[in-house]
Protein backbone atom coordinates (compact mmCIF):
# COMPACT_ATOMS: atom_id res chain seq x y z
CA MET A 1 115.24 207.32 85.86
CA THR A 2 118.31 209.36 84.60
CA LEU A 3 121.18 209.28 86.83
CA VAL A 4 122.27 213.44 85.50
CA VAL A 5 124.18 215.42 88.03
CA SER A 6 124.20 218.66 86.61
CA HIS A 7 122.45 221.29 84.44
CA GLU A 8 125.14 220.33 81.55
CA ASP A 9 123.95 217.02 81.62
CA GLU A 10 120.25 217.34 82.11
CA LEU A 11 120.73 220.20 78.86
CA LEU A 12 122.78 216.95 76.81
CA GLN A 13 120.30 214.20 77.92
CA LYS A 14 117.34 216.65 76.82
CA THR A 15 119.22 217.42 73.42
CA VAL A 16 119.75 213.62 72.60
CA ARG A 17 116.53 212.33 73.39
CA SER A 18 114.63 215.54 71.48
CA PHE A 19 117.65 214.49 68.48
CA PHE A 20 115.94 210.64 68.77
CA ASP A 21 112.30 211.45 69.34
CA GLU A 22 112.38 213.84 65.89
CA ALA A 23 114.98 211.93 63.50
CA VAL A 24 115.33 208.86 64.69
CA ILE A 25 112.23 206.67 66.30
CA PRO A 26 109.81 207.82 63.06
CA HIS A 27 111.97 206.05 60.63
CA GLU A 28 111.84 202.94 63.32
CA GLU A 29 108.89 201.34 61.84
CA LEU A 30 110.14 201.42 57.84
CA VAL A 31 113.57 200.13 59.02
CA ASP A 32 112.09 197.22 60.88
CA ARG A 33 110.02 196.38 57.58
CA LEU A 34 112.98 196.34 55.47
CA GLY A 35 115.75 194.70 57.12
CA GLU A 36 117.91 197.79 56.59
CA VAL A 37 118.35 201.72 56.69
CA PRO A 38 117.69 203.36 53.69
CA GLU A 39 120.95 205.31 52.66
CA GLU A 40 119.47 208.48 52.83
CA ILE A 41 117.89 208.57 56.32
CA GLY A 42 121.13 207.18 57.96
CA ARG A 43 123.16 209.95 56.16
CA GLU A 44 120.46 212.34 57.40
CA ILE A 45 120.85 211.23 61.03
CA GLU A 46 124.85 211.48 60.86
CA THR A 47 125.00 214.65 59.45
CA LYS A 48 122.02 216.26 62.20
CA SER A 49 124.50 214.55 64.82
CA LYS A 50 127.68 216.25 63.59
CA GLU A 51 125.70 219.73 63.64
CA LEU A 52 125.02 218.18 67.00
CA GLY A 53 128.50 217.57 68.27
CA LEU A 54 127.83 214.06 68.64
CA PHE A 55 129.46 212.26 65.93
CA ALA A 56 132.99 210.74 67.57
CA SER A 57 131.71 212.17 70.90
CA ASN A 58 133.24 209.84 72.98
CA LEU A 59 136.86 210.26 71.77
CA PRO A 60 138.83 212.88 72.79
CA GLU A 61 138.76 216.44 71.89
CA SER A 62 142.70 216.09 70.70
CA VAL A 63 141.72 214.03 67.89
CA GLY A 64 138.93 216.01 66.95
CA GLY A 65 135.99 214.24 69.23
CA GLY A 66 133.24 215.31 71.82
CA GLY A 67 136.11 214.86 74.53
CA LEU A 68 132.66 213.23 76.83
CA THR A 69 133.64 211.77 80.00
CA TYR A 70 132.52 208.66 80.53
CA SER A 71 129.77 210.03 82.97
CA GLN A 72 128.11 212.20 80.19
CA SER A 73 128.58 208.73 77.61
CA ALA A 74 126.54 207.13 79.91
CA ILE A 75 123.77 209.65 79.55
CA ILE A 76 124.02 209.80 76.02
CA GLU A 77 124.16 205.61 75.67
CA ARG A 78 121.01 205.49 78.08
CA GLU A 79 119.33 207.59 75.27
CA PHE A 80 120.38 205.12 72.51
CA GLY A 81 118.93 202.60 73.94
CA ARG A 82 115.56 203.50 73.49
CA THR A 83 115.77 203.85 69.65
CA SER A 84 116.64 201.35 66.90
CA HIS A 85 120.02 200.42 67.49
CA ALA A 86 119.96 199.92 62.92
CA LEU A 87 119.60 203.98 62.97
CA HIS A 88 121.75 205.16 66.27
CA ALA A 89 124.74 203.22 64.72
CA TRP A 90 124.75 205.85 62.48
CA VAL A 91 125.58 208.45 65.17
CA ALA A 92 129.16 206.82 64.89
CA ARG A 93 131.00 205.91 67.98
CA PRO A 94 134.70 205.22 66.54
CA THR A 95 135.90 202.17 68.80
CA GLU A 96 138.88 203.38 71.59
CA LEU A 97 141.01 201.12 70.02
CA LEU A 98 142.22 203.33 67.19
CA MET A 99 143.00 206.09 69.94
CA ALA A 100 146.14 203.17 69.61
CA CYS A 101 146.86 204.34 66.26
CA GLU A 102 150.46 205.86 65.70
CA GLY A 103 152.20 207.70 62.74
CA ASP A 104 150.57 207.19 59.40
CA GLN A 105 147.95 204.73 61.38
CA ILE A 106 146.56 208.29 62.50
CA ALA A 107 145.97 209.73 59.15
CA LYS A 108 144.96 206.78 57.22
CA TYR A 109 142.50 205.46 60.70
CA LEU A 110 141.79 207.58 63.27
CA THR A 111 140.89 210.48 61.88
CA PRO A 112 138.91 209.88 59.06
CA CYS A 113 136.79 207.76 61.29
CA VAL A 114 136.24 210.68 63.76
CA SER A 115 135.57 213.47 60.90
CA GLY A 116 133.23 210.82 59.46
CA GLU A 117 134.89 209.85 56.04
CA LYS A 118 135.50 206.11 56.88
CA ARG A 119 134.01 203.51 59.15
CA GLU A 120 135.44 200.76 61.18
CA LEU A 121 134.75 197.09 61.94
CA PHE A 122 135.92 195.44 65.24
CA ALA A 123 136.48 191.98 64.07
CA LEU A 124 136.68 189.31 66.76
CA THR A 125 134.10 186.88 66.70
CA GLU A 126 134.67 183.60 64.49
CA PRO A 127 132.70 180.72 63.89
CA GLU A 128 134.05 178.46 66.24
CA ALA A 129 135.13 181.16 68.34
CA GLY A 130 132.77 182.98 69.74
CA SER A 131 132.24 182.92 74.10
CA ASP A 132 135.54 181.32 73.24
CA ALA A 133 138.01 184.39 71.95
CA MET A 134 141.16 182.16 72.37
CA GLY A 135 140.04 179.76 70.25
CA MET A 136 140.19 181.93 67.00
CA LYS A 137 141.82 180.10 64.00
CA THR A 138 142.39 182.82 62.34
CA ASN A 139 146.46 183.66 61.92
CA ALA A 140 148.58 186.15 60.80
CA LYS A 141 152.65 184.94 60.08
CA ARG A 142 155.42 186.78 59.49
CA ASP A 143 156.85 186.64 55.35
CA GLY A 144 160.29 188.85 56.00
CA ASP A 145 158.76 192.48 57.11
CA ASP A 146 155.44 191.31 56.44
CA TRP A 147 152.51 189.74 57.87
CA VAL A 148 150.13 187.13 55.50
CA LEU A 149 147.03 187.03 57.21
CA ASN A 150 144.23 184.21 57.09
CA GLY A 151 141.32 183.02 58.26
CA SER A 152 137.65 184.64 58.66
CA LYS A 153 135.52 186.38 60.84
CA HIS A 154 131.28 186.48 61.77
CA PHE A 155 129.12 188.45 63.61
CA ILE A 156 130.85 191.47 62.43
CA SER A 157 127.84 194.45 63.02
CA ALA A 158 127.75 197.98 61.71
CA PRO A 159 125.14 200.31 60.31
CA THR A 160 126.58 200.13 57.04
CA MET A 161 129.64 198.43 54.75
CA ALA A 162 133.34 199.41 56.53
CA ASP A 163 135.84 200.78 55.08
CA PHE A 164 138.28 198.64 57.22
CA ALA A 165 138.41 196.18 59.73
CA ILE A 166 140.43 195.65 63.46
CA VAL A 167 141.12 192.42 62.83
CA PHE A 168 142.53 189.81 65.52
CA ALA A 169 144.72 187.51 64.60
CA VAL A 170 147.13 184.59 66.76
CA THR A 171 150.36 185.45 65.58
CA GLY A 172 151.97 182.70 67.76
CA VAL A 173 152.24 180.49 71.25
CA ASP A 174 153.26 181.93 74.77
CA GLU A 175 154.22 179.66 77.36
CA THR A 176 152.30 180.73 81.04
CA PRO A 177 152.45 179.33 84.18
CA ARG A 178 148.94 177.95 83.20
CA GLY A 179 149.95 176.66 80.13
CA ASN A 180 150.76 177.77 76.70
CA ARG A 181 148.73 180.91 75.44
CA LYS A 182 147.63 181.97 71.75
CA ARG A 183 149.12 185.40 71.30
CA ILE A 184 146.83 187.72 69.66
CA THR A 185 147.71 190.92 67.62
CA ALA A 186 145.65 193.30 66.09
CA PHE A 187 145.66 194.84 62.74
CA LEU A 188 144.23 197.28 60.47
CA VAL A 189 142.77 195.41 57.39
CA ASP A 190 141.45 197.48 54.30
CA ARG A 191 138.50 196.19 52.29
CA ASP A 192 140.25 196.61 48.97
CA LEU A 193 143.28 194.92 50.03
CA PRO A 194 144.05 191.47 47.34
CA GLY A 195 142.54 188.43 49.49
CA VAL A 196 140.07 190.43 51.36
CA GLU A 197 136.23 190.05 51.18
CA PHE A 198 133.76 191.78 53.19
CA ARG A 199 130.04 190.49 52.41
CA GLU A 200 126.90 190.64 54.22
CA GLY A 201 126.22 187.47 56.72
CA ASN A 202 123.18 185.99 58.30
CA LYS A 203 120.24 188.25 59.42
CA CYS A 204 119.01 188.78 62.87
CA VAL A 205 115.63 188.96 63.86
CA SER A 206 116.59 191.40 66.59
CA ASN A 207 117.75 195.17 65.68
CA ARG A 208 117.05 194.76 61.95
CA GLY A 209 118.50 196.96 59.88
CA TYR A 210 121.82 196.82 61.74
CA LYS A 211 123.61 194.46 59.50
CA THR A 212 125.95 191.28 60.36
CA TYR A 213 128.89 190.87 58.01
CA GLU A 214 131.17 188.10 57.20
CA LEU A 215 135.09 188.62 56.68
CA MET A 216 137.29 186.21 54.61
CA PHE A 217 141.16 186.35 54.55
CA ASP A 218 143.27 184.80 51.58
CA ASP A 219 146.73 185.22 52.09
CA VAL A 220 146.34 188.78 52.42
CA ARG A 221 149.95 190.58 52.97
CA LEU A 222 149.93 193.40 55.62
CA GLY A 223 153.29 195.59 56.03
CA SER A 224 154.26 196.23 59.82
CA GLY A 225 152.18 199.52 59.84
CA GLN A 226 149.34 197.79 59.41
CA VAL A 227 149.57 196.33 63.44
CA LEU A 228 147.74 198.40 65.52
CA GLY A 229 149.44 198.59 69.50
CA GLU A 230 152.42 195.79 70.02
CA GLU A 231 152.30 192.31 68.41
CA GLY A 232 151.03 189.72 70.88
CA ARG A 233 149.29 192.41 72.92
CA GLY A 234 145.91 192.61 70.87
CA PHE A 235 143.59 190.56 73.60
CA GLU A 236 144.77 193.19 76.40
CA LEU A 237 144.13 195.81 73.50
CA ALA A 238 140.59 194.53 73.00
CA GLY A 239 139.78 194.27 76.61
CA GLN A 240 139.76 197.79 76.95
CA TRP A 241 137.40 198.01 74.47
CA LEU A 242 135.07 194.92 75.58
CA GLY A 243 135.01 196.77 79.04
CA MET A 244 133.18 199.95 78.57
CA GLY A 245 131.17 198.11 75.75
CA ARG A 246 129.79 196.16 78.35
CA ILE A 247 128.79 198.89 80.72
CA TRP A 248 127.54 201.04 77.34
CA VAL A 249 124.94 197.81 76.58
CA GLY A 250 123.98 197.89 80.42
CA ALA A 251 123.58 202.00 79.56
CA THR A 252 121.67 201.08 76.52
CA CYS A 253 119.45 198.19 78.14
CA CYS A 254 118.20 201.16 80.85
CA GLY A 255 116.88 203.22 78.16
CA LYS A 256 114.89 200.59 76.16
CA ALA A 257 113.81 199.46 79.25
CA GLU A 258 112.50 202.84 80.95
CA ARG A 259 110.86 203.36 77.18
CA MET A 260 109.11 199.81 77.78
CA LEU A 261 107.73 200.74 80.82
CA GLU A 262 106.37 204.00 80.08
CA LEU A 263 104.66 202.44 77.36
CA ALA A 264 103.13 199.37 80.07
CA THR A 265 102.51 202.07 82.18
CA GLU A 266 100.33 204.20 79.75
CA TRP A 267 98.89 201.10 78.64
CA ALA A 268 97.66 199.63 82.61
CA ALA A 269 96.78 203.03 82.77
CA THR A 270 93.88 203.40 79.90
CA ARG A 271 93.19 199.69 78.95
CA LYS A 272 89.89 199.03 80.98
CA GLN A 273 88.67 195.05 81.44
CA PHE A 274 85.77 194.30 84.07
CA GLY A 275 85.16 198.15 84.07
CA LYS A 276 88.60 199.26 85.48
CA PRO A 277 92.48 200.29 84.22
CA ILE A 278 93.87 196.98 84.46
CA GLY A 279 96.82 198.53 86.22
CA SER A 280 94.63 198.70 89.10
CA PHE A 281 94.18 195.24 89.03
CA GLN A 282 97.49 193.80 91.73
CA ALA A 283 98.33 191.20 88.92
CA THR A 284 99.37 194.19 86.55
CA GLY A 285 100.40 196.56 89.09
CA PHE A 286 102.89 194.64 90.97
CA ARG A 287 104.42 193.78 87.51
CA LEU A 288 104.93 197.61 87.31
CA ALA A 289 106.52 197.69 90.43
CA ASP A 290 108.71 195.21 90.04
CA MET A 291 109.87 196.50 86.45
CA THR A 292 110.58 199.86 88.36
CA ILE A 293 112.46 198.34 90.98
CA GLY A 294 114.55 196.39 88.44
CA LEU A 295 115.55 199.23 86.08
CA ARG A 296 116.29 201.90 89.04
CA THR A 297 118.80 198.71 90.49
CA ALA A 298 120.43 198.44 87.10
CA ASP A 299 120.57 202.04 86.27
CA LEU A 300 122.53 202.58 89.80
CA LEU A 301 124.70 199.69 88.63
CA VAL A 302 125.68 201.54 85.75
CA ALA A 303 126.03 204.71 87.60
CA ASP A 304 128.94 202.49 89.69
CA ALA A 305 130.40 201.15 87.09
CA VAL A 306 131.03 204.41 85.35
CA ARG A 307 131.86 206.50 88.39
CA ARG A 308 134.54 203.79 88.70
CA ALA A 309 135.93 204.08 85.25
CA ASP A 310 135.77 207.39 85.51
CA ALA A 311 137.89 207.42 88.39
CA GLY A 312 139.98 204.80 86.59
CA THR A 313 139.54 201.77 89.01
CA MET A 314 136.91 199.84 87.02
CA GLN A 315 137.61 196.13 86.72
CA ASP A 316 136.20 193.52 84.22
CA PRO A 317 134.00 192.39 86.91
CA ASP A 318 132.37 195.64 87.49
CA ALA A 319 131.37 195.32 83.60
CA ALA A 320 130.05 191.87 83.69
CA MET A 321 128.05 192.75 86.61
CA VAL A 322 126.51 195.55 84.73
CA LYS A 323 126.16 193.68 81.78
CA VAL A 324 124.40 190.50 82.78
CA TYR A 325 121.98 192.74 85.14
CA CYS A 326 121.10 195.07 83.11
CA SER A 327 120.13 192.79 80.11
CA GLU A 328 118.46 190.49 82.00
CA MET A 329 116.54 193.25 83.59
CA LEU A 330 115.61 194.66 79.80
CA ASN A 331 114.22 190.71 79.20
CA LYS A 332 112.07 191.02 81.99
CA VAL A 333 110.65 194.32 81.07
CA ALA A 334 110.10 193.37 77.44
CA ASP A 335 108.57 190.32 78.37
CA ASP A 336 106.40 191.67 81.50
CA THR A 337 105.56 194.20 78.62
CA VAL A 338 103.75 192.22 76.37
CA GLN A 339 102.08 190.18 78.72
CA ILE A 340 100.26 193.34 80.07
CA TYR A 341 99.42 194.06 76.16
CA GLY A 342 98.09 191.05 76.00
CA GLY A 343 97.32 190.20 72.39
CA MET A 344 98.15 193.63 71.38
CA GLY A 345 101.78 193.59 72.28
CA LEU A 346 102.30 190.33 69.51
CA MET A 347 100.42 192.58 66.51
CA GLU A 348 102.50 194.49 63.98
CA GLU A 349 100.85 197.22 64.20
CA MET A 350 102.31 198.07 67.67
CA PRO A 351 105.75 198.91 68.56
CA ILE A 352 105.52 196.08 71.45
CA HIS A 353 106.78 193.11 69.40
CA ARG A 354 109.71 195.11 67.65
CA LEU A 355 111.24 196.23 71.53
CA TRP A 356 110.38 192.75 72.82
CA ARG A 357 112.44 191.30 69.45
CA ASP A 358 115.60 194.16 70.06
CA SER A 359 115.66 193.11 73.64
CA ARG A 360 116.85 189.43 73.06
CA ILE A 361 119.82 189.56 71.83
CA GLU A 362 121.48 191.88 75.06
CA ARG A 363 122.16 188.95 76.61
CA ILE A 364 124.12 187.37 74.02
CA TRP A 365 126.78 189.68 72.04
CA ASP A 366 129.43 191.41 74.01
CA GLY A 367 129.92 188.23 75.42
CA THR A 368 126.67 186.09 76.84
CA SER A 369 125.10 185.98 80.35
CA GLU A 370 126.96 182.81 80.96
CA ILE A 371 130.77 184.76 80.11
CA GLN A 372 129.88 187.44 82.22
CA ARG A 373 129.02 185.06 85.18
CA HIS A 374 132.04 183.25 84.91
CA ILE A 375 133.80 186.47 84.85
CA ILE A 376 132.31 187.33 88.08
CA THR A 377 133.10 184.00 89.46
CA ARG A 378 136.73 183.91 88.58
CA SER A 379 137.21 187.33 90.12
CA ILE A 380 135.87 185.72 93.52
CA LEU A 381 137.62 182.31 93.67
CA ARG A 382 141.24 183.30 92.19
CA PRO A 383 142.33 185.16 95.37
CA LEU A 384 141.86 182.40 97.57
CA GLY A 385 143.56 180.27 94.73
CA ALA A 386 140.80 178.56 93.13
């Protein structure tokens, strides 16, 4: 199911799917085997995406981006989900947080990311601050007009080594009605600054080739011009990105689930046992029915959240519902697809095992299913004072 509502949207979807079918999917097996994207392949994808107008399509036309609406971006993100994350990430969608750039920051960070001259990292997660983002220990302290940054980040993902990172650090403590709360600030930190180290981190079995990085900061001196947005408002800034990011995770889950459903359906229609296609047996047919119901429901949930985003009324619980439902739907579809394929579903010669592995991370990154349920529960109980 593809939720397109106009001829223009249909053309957009067909353009993106054709691009990925021709320029991306043929490289998936190689990338999974190598554990990385050969740079020449990544650059080819990057160049082609610029020619099609897909590169930085999520940012406004006023800064050189594609100026797509959230509804149009959802179509693209869904198609992204059908392909290898390591490969489609070369079609850059710079984080919307860069729209907070002001003055010299625009020419130094925003504009180069839109053109593809630079790549950025979103650096929030730490070894002891994953789901508990407010538990971060990376800090920045004032020293005259400057800031001195210390700490580390990990599980910071990107298709290739970035030029700079948007780093979130503690810059103080505020008193609130619910007790003391860390004041978080976002900083623009260049990779080549003294005291900064970007290095490859752990290798994930999901999305092989999509790398994770560790970032280390040792007395890194930052000028006041390196603060992104307002001092102390970094967590609010991160929230703006995380909300839509969770919806895009939902959209990509739908795309991947659709691809797996197509594979499972074809196999069920052609694979025979006891003289009949296995899809004719209720045990298999009902799996296909449930997979189809789950995908349709997930698509509608994404569409509802996107409409709310376009109207400016989307709230954190809306994004959380999309993230938790779509990621868990995908995991069920992936598991059922393996079961329908039987032993062949786990053979390296087939794409099923790779799609199955790639699906598992969706319930973890951008906020675990447990965190999403916490957000939803909080929205239900807080109005009642609980």
